[in-house]
N, C-alpha and C. Protein backbone atom coordinates (compact mmCIF):
# COMPACT_ATOMS: atom_id res chain seq x y z
N UNK A 1 81.75 92.35 99.73
CA UNK A 1 81.86 93.62 100.44
C UNK A 1 83.03 94.43 99.90
N UNK A 2 84.15 93.75 99.66
CA UNK A 2 85.34 94.47 99.17
C UNK A 2 85.08 95.09 97.80
N UNK A 3 84.39 94.34 96.95
CA UNK A 3 84.13 94.84 95.59
C UNK A 3 83.25 96.09 95.65
N UNK A 4 82.25 96.08 96.52
CA UNK A 4 81.35 97.23 96.64
C UNK A 4 82.12 98.44 97.14
N UNK A 5 83.00 98.23 98.13
CA UNK A 5 83.79 99.33 98.69
C UNK A 5 84.73 99.89 97.63
N UNK A 6 85.36 98.99 96.87
CA UNK A 6 86.29 99.42 95.81
C UNK A 6 85.55 100.24 94.76
N UNK A 7 84.36 99.78 94.37
CA UNK A 7 83.58 100.50 93.38
C UNK A 7 83.20 101.89 93.89
N UNK A 8 82.85 101.98 95.17
CA UNK A 8 82.48 103.26 95.76
C UNK A 8 83.67 104.22 95.74
N UNK A 9 84.86 103.70 96.10
CA UNK A 9 86.07 104.54 96.09
C UNK A 9 86.39 104.99 94.67
N UNK A 10 86.21 104.10 93.70
CA UNK A 10 86.48 104.44 92.31
C UNK A 10 85.55 105.56 91.85
N UNK A 11 84.28 105.48 92.22
CA UNK A 11 83.31 106.51 91.85
C UNK A 11 83.70 107.84 92.47
N UNK A 12 84.12 107.81 93.74
CA UNK A 12 84.54 109.04 94.44
C UNK A 12 85.75 109.64 93.74
N UNK A 13 86.72 108.80 93.37
CA UNK A 13 87.94 109.29 92.71
C UNK A 13 87.58 109.94 91.37
N UNK A 14 86.70 109.29 90.60
CA UNK A 14 86.30 109.85 89.30
C UNK A 14 85.57 111.17 89.50
N UNK A 15 84.72 111.24 90.50
CA UNK A 15 83.98 112.48 90.78
C UNK A 15 84.92 113.60 91.16
N UNK A 16 85.93 113.29 91.98
CA UNK A 16 86.90 114.31 92.41
C UNK A 16 87.71 114.80 91.23
N UNK A 17 88.19 113.88 90.40
CA UNK A 17 89.02 114.28 89.25
C UNK A 17 88.22 115.14 88.28
N UNK A 18 86.97 114.77 88.03
CA UNK A 18 86.14 115.54 87.11
C UNK A 18 85.84 116.92 87.70
N UNK A 19 85.66 116.98 89.02
CA UNK A 19 85.40 118.25 89.67
C UNK A 19 86.61 119.16 89.54
N UNK A 20 87.80 118.60 89.78
CA UNK A 20 89.04 119.38 89.69
C UNK A 20 89.27 119.81 88.24
N UNK A 21 88.98 118.92 87.30
CA UNK A 21 89.18 119.23 85.88
C UNK A 21 88.26 120.39 85.49
N UNK A 22 87.05 120.40 86.01
CA UNK A 22 86.11 121.48 85.71
C UNK A 22 86.59 122.80 86.31
N UNK A 23 87.22 122.74 87.48
CA UNK A 23 87.76 123.94 88.10
C UNK A 23 88.90 124.50 87.25
N UNK A 24 89.81 123.60 86.82
CA UNK A 24 90.91 124.01 85.95
C UNK A 24 92.01 124.74 86.69
N UNK A 25 92.00 124.71 88.02
CA UNK A 25 93.03 125.41 88.78
C UNK A 25 94.32 124.60 88.82
N UNK A 26 94.19 123.28 89.01
CA UNK A 26 95.38 122.44 89.06
C UNK A 26 95.06 121.05 88.53
N UNK A 27 96.08 120.37 88.03
CA UNK A 27 95.89 119.04 87.46
C UNK A 27 96.42 117.98 88.41
N UNK A 28 95.64 116.90 88.61
CA UNK A 28 96.08 115.83 89.49
C UNK A 28 96.73 114.71 88.68
N UNK A 29 96.12 114.41 87.54
CA UNK A 29 96.66 113.33 86.70
C UNK A 29 97.39 113.95 85.50
């Protein structure tokens, strides 16, 4: 269960970073 939850969070984080990178307004990393 923990591994599935971690993978889901990782996917969400990657999606958010790519979304922000596409916006180009501000950098998180």
